[in-house]
Protein backbone atom coordinates (compact mmCIF):
# COMPACT_ATOMS: atom_id res chain seq x y z
CA MET A 1 16.56 -3.22 4.55
CA PRO A 2 15.78 0.48 4.95
CA GLN A 3 13.98 1.62 8.04
CA ILE A 4 11.18 4.13 8.00
CA HIS A 5 9.62 6.10 10.79
CA LEU A 6 5.86 6.59 10.85
CA ASP A 7 3.86 9.12 12.82
CA ASP A 8 1.12 7.99 15.18
CA ASP A 9 -1.68 8.83 12.72
CA THR A 10 -0.14 6.65 10.03
CA ILE A 11 0.29 3.77 12.45
CA ALA A 12 -3.34 4.11 13.50
CA ARG A 13 -4.43 3.97 9.84
CA LEU A 14 -2.29 0.87 9.25
CA ASP A 15 -3.73 -0.73 12.39
CA SER A 16 -7.23 -0.18 11.04
CA LEU A 17 -6.27 -2.11 7.89
CA ARG A 18 -4.79 -5.08 9.75
CA ARG A 19 -6.53 -8.40 9.64
CA GLU A 20 -6.01 -10.68 12.64
CA GLU A 21 -2.27 -10.77 13.39
CA GLU A 22 -1.12 -9.44 10.02
CA ASP A 23 2.18 -7.59 10.36
CA TYR A 24 3.06 -4.21 8.92
CA ASP A 25 5.30 -5.72 6.22
CA GLU A 26 2.33 -7.62 4.79
CA ILE A 27 0.10 -4.54 4.83
CA VAL A 28 2.72 -2.33 3.19
CA ASN A 29 3.46 -4.95 0.51
CA GLU A 30 -0.25 -5.25 -0.24
CA LEU A 31 -0.60 -1.47 -0.52
CA ILE A 32 2.41 -1.30 -2.85
CA ASN A 33 0.93 -4.06 -5.03
CA ILE A 34 -2.38 -2.18 -5.24
CA TYR A 35 -0.56 1.04 -6.14
CA GLU A 36 1.47 -0.69 -8.85
CA ALA A 37 -1.61 -2.43 -10.28
CA GLU A 38 -3.54 0.84 -10.47
CA GLU A 39 -0.56 2.60 -12.01
CA LEU A 40 -0.39 -0.06 -14.73
CA THR A 41 -4.12 0.20 -15.30
CA LEU A 42 -3.90 3.98 -15.70
CA PHE A 43 -0.87 3.64 -17.97
CA HIS A 44 -2.53 1.08 -20.24
CA SER A 45 -5.92 2.78 -20.40
CA GLY A 46 -4.19 5.94 -21.64
CA ASP A 47 -5.08 7.73 -24.86
CA GLU A 48 -6.49 4.94 -26.99
CA VAL A 49 -9.44 6.02 -29.11
């Protein structure tokens, strides 16, 4: 699995999103899922008239 390095500001933002003892993997996966869902929504809403 690739490793990433985050600056202190990013870690603080992730900490503010944590619920109870949720780990960073769960938060990042949730954010990726939201991003992908919004990307699909934007793609499908496209240029239909």
